[in-house]
C-alpha atoms as a PDB file:
ATOM      1  CA  MET A   1      26.993  56.525 -59.368  1.00  0.00           C
ATOM      2  CA  PHE A   2      25.985  59.256 -56.968  1.00  0.00           C
ATOM      3  CA  MET A   3      24.656  61.473 -59.255  1.00  0.00           C
ATOM      4  CA  ILE A   4      22.023  59.230 -60.842  1.00  0.00           C
ATOM      5  CA  GLY A   5      20.756  58.618 -56.830  1.00  0.00           C
ATOM      6  CA  ILE A   6      20.816  62.856 -56.253  1.00  0.00           C
ATOM      7  CA  PHE A   7      18.890  62.913 -59.949  1.00  0.00           C
ATOM      8  CA  VAL A   8      16.620  59.906 -58.397  1.00  0.00           C
ATOM      9  CA  VAL A   9      15.877  61.858 -55.652  1.00  0.00           C
ATOM     10  CA  VAL A  10      15.316  64.887 -57.110  1.00  0.00           C
ATOM     11  CA  ALA A  11      12.843  63.595 -59.434  1.00  0.00           C
ATOM     12  CA  ALA A  12      10.998  61.771 -56.335  1.00  0.00           C
ATOM     13  CA  ILE A  13      10.695  65.397 -54.636  1.00  0.00           C
ATOM     14  CA  LEU A  14       9.767  67.318 -58.069  1.00  0.00           C
ATOM     15  CA  TYR A  15       6.415  64.176 -58.218  1.00  0.00           C
ATOM     16  CA  ILE A  16       5.712  64.895 -55.218  1.00  0.00           C
ATOM     17  CA  GLU A  17       5.908  68.425 -54.338  1.00  0.00           C
ATOM     18  CA  VAL A  18       5.380  70.070 -58.052  1.00  0.00           C
ATOM     19  CA  PRO A  19       1.736  68.994 -58.379  1.00  0.00           C
ATOM     20  CA  LYS A  20       0.426  69.834 -55.377  1.00  0.00           C
ATOM     21  CA  LEU A  21       1.774  73.494 -55.763  1.00  0.00           C
ATOM     22  CA  LYS A  22      -0.051  74.020 -59.308  1.00  0.00           C
ATOM     23  CA  GLN A  23      -3.205  72.233 -57.731  1.00  0.00           C
ATOM     24  CA  GLN A  24      -3.277  75.153 -55.289  1.00  0.00           C
ATOM     25  CA  GLY A  25      -2.039  77.815 -58.111  1.00  0.00           C
ATOM     26  CA  MET A  26       1.143  78.614 -56.198  1.00  0.00           C
ATOM     27  CA  LYS A  27       3.304  80.404 -59.120  1.00  0.00           C
ATOM     28  CA  LYS A  28       5.675  82.447 -57.090  1.00  0.00           C
ATOM     29  CA  GLY A  29       6.181  79.395 -54.768  1.00  0.00           C
ATOM     30  CA  LEU A  30       6.654  76.922 -57.510  1.00  0.00           C
ATOM     31  CA  TRP A  31       9.705  79.453 -58.770  1.00  0.00           C
ATOM     32  CA  LEU A  32      10.859  79.461 -55.361  1.00  0.00           C
ATOM     33  CA  PHE A  33      11.052  75.747 -54.828  1.00  0.00           C
ATOM     34  CA  SER A  34      12.583  75.175 -58.320  1.00  0.00           C
ATOM     35  CA  ILE A  35      15.428  77.487 -57.418  1.00  0.00           C
ATOM     36  CA  LEU A  36      16.395  76.304 -54.208  1.00  0.00           C
ATOM     37  CA  LEU A  37      15.894  72.566 -55.673  1.00  0.00           C
ATOM     38  CA  LEU A  38      17.857  73.666 -58.306  1.00  0.00           C
ATOM     39  CA  PHE A  39      20.336  75.340 -56.008  1.00  0.00           C
ATOM     40  CA  GLY A  40      20.901  72.413 -53.225  1.00  0.00           C
ATOM     41  CA  THR A  41      21.029  69.921 -56.292  1.00  0.00           C
ATOM     42  CA  GLY A  42      23.897  71.987 -57.815  1.00  0.00           C
ATOM     43  CA  LEU A  43      25.777  71.667 -54.716  1.00  0.00           C
ATOM     44  CA  ASN A  44      24.912  68.409 -53.658  1.00  0.00           C
ATOM     45  CA  ILE A  45      26.872  67.615 -57.440  1.00  0.00           C
ATOM     46  CA  ALA A  46      29.993  69.817 -56.247  1.00  0.00           C
ATOM     47  CA  TYR A  47      30.086  68.101 -53.168  1.00  0.00           C
ATOM     48  CA  GLY A  48      30.121  64.616 -54.510  1.00  0.00           C
ATOM     49  CA  LEU A  49      33.030  65.297 -56.745  1.00  0.00           C
ATOM     50  CA  ASP A  50      35.006  66.752 -54.290  1.00  0.00           C
ATOM     51  CA  LEU A  51      35.481  70.559 -55.655  1.00  0.00           C
ATOM     52  CA  ASP A  52      35.893  73.405 -53.486  1.00  0.00           C
ATOM     53  CA  ILE A  53      32.612  74.598 -51.848  1.00  0.00           C
ATOM     54  CA  PRO A  54      32.952  78.151 -50.259  1.00  0.00           C
ATOM     55  CA  ASN A  55      32.634  78.224 -46.566  1.00  0.00           C
ATOM     56  CA  PRO A  56      29.378  81.171 -46.531  1.00  0.00           C
ATOM     57  CA  LEU A  57      31.156  82.659 -43.373  1.00  0.00           C
ATOM     58  CA  ASP A  58      34.111  83.466 -45.447  1.00  0.00           C
ATOM     59  CA  GLY A  59      31.947  86.117 -47.630  1.00  0.00           C
ATOM     60  CA  VAL A  60      30.666  87.579 -44.034  1.00  0.00           C
ATOM     61  CA  VAL A  61      33.929  88.010 -42.770  1.00  0.00           C
ATOM     62  CA  LEU A  62      35.553  89.318 -46.175  1.00  0.00           C
ATOM     63  CA  ILE A  63      32.506  92.280 -46.305  1.00  0.00           C
ATOM     64  CA  TYR A  64      32.676  92.901 -42.093  1.00  0.00           C
ATOM     65  CA  LYS A  65      36.716  92.151 -41.603  1.00  0.00           C
ATOM     66  CA  PRO A  66      37.499  95.676 -43.096  1.00  0.00           C
ATOM     67  CA  LEU A  67      34.664  97.500 -40.839  1.00  0.00           C
ATOM     68  CA  SER A  68      35.668  96.036 -37.183  1.00  0.00           C
ATOM     69  CA  ASP A  69      39.581  96.900 -38.137  1.00  0.00           C
ATOM     70  CA  TRP A  70      38.520 100.490 -38.546  1.00  0.00           C
ATOM     71  CA  ILE A  71      35.689 100.899 -35.165  1.00  0.00           C
ATOM     72  CA  PHE A  72      38.396  98.935 -33.616  1.00  0.00           C
ATOM     73  CA  GLY A  73      41.125 101.311 -34.619  1.00  0.00           C
ATOM     74  CA  TRP A  74      39.124 104.282 -34.118  1.00  0.00           C
ATOM     75  CA  LEU A  75      38.533 102.996 -30.497  1.00  0.00           C
ATOM     76  CA  LYS A  76      42.149 102.713 -29.787  1.00  0.00           C
END
């Protein structure tokens, strides 16, 4: 039932925003808008289905933790 609500909201957003972007000739803006809307819709559906959505901070920690450990080990 929640997915119907999500799709109704997405359809309303598309109905309001896409004609404006087309009228103004914003082709790149329309592509960016579509990609972000698709990404957000996917995240909302995953959240509604109680799927495990990783925290973006975990990715940052994964990248910078070895560097941090190396720097602190070097400074000792």
